[in-house]
Amino acid sequence: MGGISFSLFGGSSLKGAAALSGTYWHVSLAGGAEFDLQQATFPTDKPARINIVTLFGGAEIKVPPGTGVETGGFHIAGGISSKITPGTGPTKNLLRANLFCLAGGMDIKSP
């Protein structure tokens, strides 16, 4: 998975058994995005990357238990929430998620 999605008013969704590679960008004016990465294949040599740029909106990212998550970016009138279930062994998946937004947030969670 590398690429870009754009929404003017509405949302975007990515689910299923995607192979994560490269950097994925989501850009929206007023809307959000849902990324369900629970069945995705993460790269073994580098972190998977998701960058979200939004004026009003946000994103929800679901990752498998035990995934290491690094967050960054900037946001005004919003924030980043991370509720990750720890794994039983060493972290094998790594996700770098960046949020750039005026009003909105990003929720990262695992079951």
N, C-alpha and C. Protein backbone atom coordinates (compact mmCIF):
# COMPACT_ATOMS: atom_id res chain seq x y z
N MET A 1 0.84 -1.16 0.00
CA MET A 1 0.00 0.00 0.00
C MET A 1 0.89 1.22 0.00
N GLY A 2 0.88 1.93 -0.98
CA GLY A 2 1.45 3.25 -1.07
C GLY A 2 0.49 3.98 -1.98
N GLY A 3 0.35 5.25 -1.85
CA GLY A 3 -0.56 5.96 -2.72
C GLY A 3 -1.20 7.13 -2.02
N ILE A 4 -2.33 7.57 -2.56
CA ILE A 4 -3.01 8.74 -2.03
C ILE A 4 -4.52 8.58 -2.22
N SER A 5 -5.27 9.10 -1.25
CA SER A 5 -6.72 9.20 -1.40
C SER A 5 -7.09 10.64 -1.10
N PHE A 6 -8.13 11.12 -1.76
CA PHE A 6 -8.57 12.49 -1.59
C PHE A 6 -10.09 12.50 -1.46
N SER A 7 -10.60 13.26 -0.50
CA SER A 7 -12.05 13.42 -0.40
C SER A 7 -12.37 14.88 -0.11
N LEU A 8 -13.37 15.40 -0.80
CA LEU A 8 -13.76 16.79 -0.62
C LEU A 8 -14.73 16.89 0.55
N PHE A 9 -15.85 16.21 0.51
CA PHE A 9 -16.81 16.12 1.61
C PHE A 9 -17.19 14.66 1.73
N GLY A 10 -16.71 14.02 2.75
CA GLY A 10 -16.98 12.60 2.90
C GLY A 10 -15.76 11.92 3.46
N GLY A 11 -15.73 10.64 3.30
CA GLY A 11 -14.63 9.90 3.90
C GLY A 11 -13.99 8.93 2.95
N SER A 12 -13.02 8.23 3.50
CA SER A 12 -12.27 7.24 2.74
C SER A 12 -12.06 6.04 3.65
N SER A 13 -11.98 4.87 3.07
CA SER A 13 -11.83 3.67 3.87
C SER A 13 -10.84 2.72 3.20
N LEU A 14 -10.00 2.09 4.03
CA LEU A 14 -9.08 1.07 3.54
C LEU A 14 -9.18 -0.10 4.50
N LYS A 15 -9.57 -1.27 3.99
CA LYS A 15 -9.72 -2.46 4.82
C LYS A 15 -9.22 -3.66 4.05
N GLY A 16 -8.89 -4.72 4.78
CA GLY A 16 -8.56 -5.97 4.14
C GLY A 16 -7.08 -6.30 4.21
N ALA A 17 -6.69 -7.24 3.40
CA ALA A 17 -5.34 -7.80 3.43
C ALA A 17 -4.42 -7.04 2.49
N ALA A 18 -4.17 -5.78 2.79
CA ALA A 18 -3.27 -4.97 1.97
C ALA A 18 -1.82 -5.26 2.33
N ALA A 19 -0.95 -5.15 1.35
CA ALA A 19 0.49 -5.24 1.60
C ALA A 19 0.99 -3.82 1.78
N LEU A 20 1.47 -3.51 2.97
CA LEU A 20 1.91 -2.15 3.28
C LEU A 20 3.33 -1.94 2.77
N SER A 21 3.49 -0.95 1.90
CA SER A 21 4.81 -0.57 1.41
C SER A 21 4.72 0.88 0.98
N GLY A 22 5.80 1.60 1.08
CA GLY A 22 5.76 3.00 0.71
C GLY A 22 5.00 3.82 1.74
N THR A 23 4.59 5.01 1.35
CA THR A 23 3.86 5.92 2.22
C THR A 23 2.48 6.15 1.63
N TYR A 24 1.45 6.08 2.47
CA TYR A 24 0.09 6.32 2.04
C TYR A 24 -0.34 7.69 2.56
N TRP A 25 -0.91 8.53 1.70
CA TRP A 25 -1.39 9.86 2.04
C TRP A 25 -2.90 9.89 1.93
N HIS A 26 -3.54 10.51 2.92
CA HIS A 26 -4.97 10.78 2.82
C HIS A 26 -5.16 12.28 3.00
N VAL A 27 -5.84 12.93 2.04
CA VAL A 27 -6.07 14.37 2.07
C VAL A 27 -7.57 14.59 1.99
N SER A 28 -8.11 15.40 2.93
CA SER A 28 -9.54 15.69 2.87
C SER A 28 -9.82 17.11 3.34
N LEU A 29 -10.90 17.69 2.79
CA LEU A 29 -11.33 19.02 3.20
C LEU A 29 -12.25 18.92 4.41
N ALA A 30 -13.28 18.14 4.33
CA ALA A 30 -14.21 17.96 5.45
C ALA A 30 -14.67 16.51 5.42
N GLY A 31 -14.02 15.71 6.14
CA GLY A 31 -14.35 14.29 6.16
C GLY A 31 -13.30 13.54 6.93
N GLY A 32 -13.35 12.26 6.88
CA GLY A 32 -12.41 11.47 7.64
C GLY A 32 -11.95 10.27 6.87
N ALA A 33 -11.23 9.43 7.57
CA ALA A 33 -10.71 8.21 6.95
C ALA A 33 -10.68 7.09 7.98
N GLU A 34 -10.90 5.89 7.51
CA GLU A 34 -10.80 4.71 8.35
C GLU A 34 -9.81 3.75 7.69
N PHE A 35 -8.78 3.38 8.45
CA PHE A 35 -7.78 2.44 7.98
C PHE A 35 -7.81 1.23 8.90
N ASP A 36 -8.28 0.09 8.40
CA ASP A 36 -8.29 -1.14 9.18
C ASP A 36 -7.13 -2.00 8.70
N LEU A 37 -6.03 -1.98 9.46
CA LEU A 37 -4.80 -2.67 9.07
C LEU A 37 -4.62 -3.99 9.81
N GLN A 38 -5.68 -4.51 10.40
CA GLN A 38 -5.56 -5.73 11.20
C GLN A 38 -5.19 -6.96 10.38
N GLN A 39 -5.52 -6.97 9.10
CA GLN A 39 -5.18 -8.10 8.23
C GLN A 39 -4.06 -7.76 7.26
N ALA A 40 -3.48 -6.58 7.40
CA ALA A 40 -2.44 -6.13 6.48
C ALA A 40 -1.11 -6.81 6.76
N THR A 41 -0.29 -6.87 5.74
CA THR A 41 1.07 -7.39 5.86
C THR A 41 2.01 -6.20 5.99
N PHE A 42 2.70 -6.10 7.13
CA PHE A 42 3.62 -4.99 7.38
C PHE A 42 5.00 -5.32 6.81
N PRO A 43 5.74 -4.32 6.34
CA PRO A 43 7.11 -4.58 5.87
C PRO A 43 7.99 -5.00 7.03
N THR A 44 8.97 -5.83 6.75
CA THR A 44 9.87 -6.30 7.80
C THR A 44 11.12 -5.44 7.94
N ASP A 45 11.44 -4.64 6.91
CA ASP A 45 12.69 -3.88 6.92
C ASP A 45 12.52 -2.40 7.25
N LYS A 46 11.27 -1.92 7.33
CA LYS A 46 11.03 -0.50 7.60
C LYS A 46 9.61 -0.36 8.13
N PRO A 47 9.31 0.79 8.75
CA PRO A 47 7.94 1.00 9.23
C PRO A 47 6.97 1.30 8.09
N ALA A 48 5.72 0.92 8.29
CA ALA A 48 4.66 1.36 7.39
C ALA A 48 4.35 2.81 7.74
N ARG A 49 3.98 3.62 6.75
CA ARG A 49 3.75 5.05 6.99
C ARG A 49 2.39 5.47 6.44
N ILE A 50 1.67 6.26 7.28
CA ILE A 50 0.42 6.88 6.86
C ILE A 50 0.49 8.35 7.25
N ASN A 51 0.23 9.23 6.29
CA ASN A 51 0.18 10.67 6.53
C ASN A 51 -1.23 11.14 6.21
N ILE A 52 -1.84 11.88 7.15
CA ILE A 52 -3.20 12.35 7.00
C ILE A 52 -3.19 13.87 7.06
N VAL A 53 -3.75 14.51 6.02
CA VAL A 53 -3.84 15.97 5.95
C VAL A 53 -5.33 16.30 5.83
N THR A 54 -5.85 17.08 6.78
CA THR A 54 -7.27 17.40 6.75
C THR A 54 -7.54 18.78 7.32
N LEU A 55 -8.55 19.45 6.78
CA LEU A 55 -8.96 20.75 7.31
C LEU A 55 -9.96 20.54 8.45
N PHE A 56 -11.02 19.79 8.23
CA PHE A 56 -11.99 19.43 9.26
C PHE A 56 -12.24 17.94 9.13
N GLY A 57 -11.81 17.17 10.08
CA GLY A 57 -12.02 15.74 10.02
C GLY A 57 -10.92 15.03 10.77
N GLY A 58 -10.83 13.77 10.57
CA GLY A 58 -9.82 13.01 11.28
C GLY A 58 -9.73 11.61 10.72
N ALA A 59 -9.16 10.73 11.52
CA ALA A 59 -8.95 9.37 11.05
C ALA A 59 -9.00 8.39 12.20
N GLU A 60 -9.40 7.18 11.86
CA GLU A 60 -9.33 6.06 12.80
C GLU A 60 -8.46 5.00 12.16
N ILE A 61 -7.46 4.54 12.90
CA ILE A 61 -6.55 3.51 12.40
C ILE A 61 -6.62 2.33 13.35
N LYS A 62 -6.93 1.14 12.83
CA LYS A 62 -6.95 -0.08 13.63
C LYS A 62 -5.75 -0.93 13.23
N VAL A 63 -4.98 -1.35 14.23
CA VAL A 63 -3.78 -2.15 13.99
C VAL A 63 -3.87 -3.46 14.77
N PRO A 64 -3.10 -4.47 14.37
CA PRO A 64 -3.09 -5.72 15.12
C PRO A 64 -2.46 -5.52 16.51
N PRO A 65 -2.85 -6.34 17.49
CA PRO A 65 -2.21 -6.25 18.82
C PRO A 65 -0.70 -6.41 18.70
N GLY A 66 0.02 -5.66 19.51
CA GLY A 66 1.48 -5.75 19.52
C GLY A 66 2.17 -4.89 18.49
N THR A 67 1.43 -4.09 17.74
CA THR A 67 2.03 -3.21 16.73
C THR A 67 2.64 -2.00 17.41
N GLY A 68 3.87 -1.69 17.09
CA GLY A 68 4.49 -0.47 17.58
C GLY A 68 4.00 0.70 16.76
N VAL A 69 3.63 1.79 17.42
CA VAL A 69 3.08 2.95 16.72
C VAL A 69 3.85 4.19 17.14
N GLU A 70 4.30 4.95 16.15
CA GLU A 70 4.93 6.26 16.37
C GLU A 70 4.03 7.29 15.71
N THR A 71 3.72 8.38 16.44
CA THR A 71 2.86 9.40 15.90
C THR A 71 3.59 10.73 15.81
N GLY A 72 3.12 11.60 14.93
CA GLY A 72 3.73 12.91 14.77
C GLY A 72 2.81 13.82 14.00
N GLY A 73 3.35 14.95 13.58
CA GLY A 73 2.59 15.93 12.83
C GLY A 73 2.22 17.10 13.71
N PHE A 74 1.18 17.84 13.31
CA PHE A 74 0.68 18.94 14.11
C PHE A 74 -0.83 19.03 13.94
N HIS A 75 -1.49 19.57 14.96
CA HIS A 75 -2.93 19.69 14.92
C HIS A 75 -3.36 20.86 15.79
N ILE A 76 -4.39 21.56 15.34
CA ILE A 76 -4.99 22.65 16.08
C ILE A 76 -6.44 22.27 16.31
N ALA A 77 -6.91 22.35 17.53
CA ALA A 77 -8.27 21.96 17.89
C ALA A 77 -8.52 20.50 17.57
N GLY A 78 -7.68 19.67 18.05
CA GLY A 78 -7.81 18.23 17.86
C GLY A 78 -6.68 17.53 18.57
N GLY A 79 -6.51 16.28 18.33
CA GLY A 79 -5.43 15.57 18.99
C GLY A 79 -5.28 14.15 18.48
N ILE A 80 -4.37 13.43 19.12
CA ILE A 80 -4.07 12.05 18.76
C ILE A 80 -4.31 11.18 19.98
N SER A 81 -5.09 10.13 19.80
CA SER A 81 -5.38 9.19 20.87
C SER A 81 -4.88 7.82 20.43
N SER A 82 -4.14 7.16 21.30
CA SER A 82 -3.60 5.84 20.97
C SER A 82 -3.96 4.85 22.07
N LYS A 83 -4.71 3.82 21.71
CA LYS A 83 -5.10 2.76 22.64
C LYS A 83 -4.70 1.43 22.02
N ILE A 84 -3.46 1.05 22.24
CA ILE A 84 -2.90 -0.14 21.60
C ILE A 84 -2.83 -1.28 22.61
N THR A 85 -3.27 -2.46 22.18
CA THR A 85 -3.17 -3.66 23.01
C THR A 85 -1.76 -4.21 22.88
N PRO A 86 -1.05 -4.35 24.01
CA PRO A 86 0.31 -4.89 23.90
C PRO A 86 0.30 -6.34 23.44
N GLY A 87 1.33 -6.72 22.73
CA GLY A 87 1.48 -8.09 22.29
C GLY A 87 2.14 -8.94 23.36
N THR A 88 2.24 -10.22 23.11
CA THR A 88 2.86 -11.13 24.07
C THR A 88 4.35 -11.29 23.86
N GLY A 89 4.86 -10.89 22.73
CA GLY A 89 6.28 -11.01 22.43
C GLY A 89 6.84 -9.69 21.97
N PRO A 90 7.99 -9.72 21.31
CA PRO A 90 8.58 -8.49 20.79
C PRO A 90 7.72 -7.89 19.67
N THR A 91 7.80 -6.58 19.53
CA THR A 91 7.05 -5.89 18.48
C THR A 91 7.58 -6.31 17.12
N LYS A 92 6.68 -6.80 16.25
CA LYS A 92 7.12 -7.21 14.92
C LYS A 92 6.63 -6.28 13.83
N ASN A 93 5.58 -5.50 14.12
CA ASN A 93 5.06 -4.54 13.15
C ASN A 93 5.30 -3.13 13.68
N LEU A 94 5.60 -2.20 12.78
CA LEU A 94 5.79 -0.81 13.18
C LEU A 94 5.04 0.10 12.21
N LEU A 95 4.29 1.06 12.77
CA LEU A 95 3.54 2.02 11.97
C LEU A 95 3.93 3.42 12.40
N ARG A 96 4.23 4.28 11.44
CA ARG A 96 4.45 5.70 11.68
C ARG A 96 3.26 6.44 11.09
N ALA A 97 2.50 7.11 11.96
CA ALA A 97 1.29 7.83 11.53
C ALA A 97 1.45 9.30 11.86
N ASN A 98 1.29 10.15 10.86
CA ASN A 98 1.39 11.60 11.03
C ASN A 98 0.06 12.25 10.70
N LEU A 99 -0.35 13.21 11.55
CA LEU A 99 -1.58 13.93 11.35
C LEU A 99 -1.27 15.41 11.22
N PHE A 100 -1.77 16.02 10.17
CA PHE A 100 -1.64 17.46 9.93
C PHE A 100 -3.05 18.00 9.75
N CYS A 101 -3.61 18.68 10.78
CA CYS A 101 -5.00 19.09 10.65
C CYS A 101 -5.29 20.38 11.41
N LEU A 102 -6.39 21.05 11.00
CA LEU A 102 -6.85 22.25 11.65
C LEU A 102 -7.86 21.90 12.74
N ALA A 103 -8.83 21.07 12.46
CA ALA A 103 -9.83 20.69 13.46
C ALA A 103 -10.18 19.23 13.24
N GLY A 104 -9.66 18.39 14.07
CA GLY A 104 -9.93 16.96 13.94
C GLY A 104 -8.90 16.18 14.72
N GLY A 105 -8.95 14.90 14.63
CA GLY A 105 -8.03 14.09 15.39
C GLY A 105 -7.76 12.76 14.73
N MET A 106 -6.95 11.97 15.42
CA MET A 106 -6.60 10.65 14.93
C MET A 106 -6.69 9.69 16.11
N ASP A 107 -7.44 8.61 15.94
CA ASP A 107 -7.55 7.55 16.94
C ASP A 107 -6.86 6.32 16.41
N ILE A 108 -5.94 5.78 17.20
CA ILE A 108 -5.25 4.55 16.82
C ILE A 108 -5.59 3.52 17.88
N LYS A 109 -6.10 2.37 17.45
CA LYS A 109 -6.51 1.35 18.41
C LYS A 109 -6.28 -0.04 17.88
N SER A 110 -6.27 -0.97 18.80
CA SER A 110 -6.19 -2.38 18.45
C SER A 110 -7.21 -3.13 19.30
N PRO A 111 -7.65 -4.29 18.82
CA PRO A 111 -8.69 -5.03 19.57
C PRO A 111 -8.19 -5.52 20.90
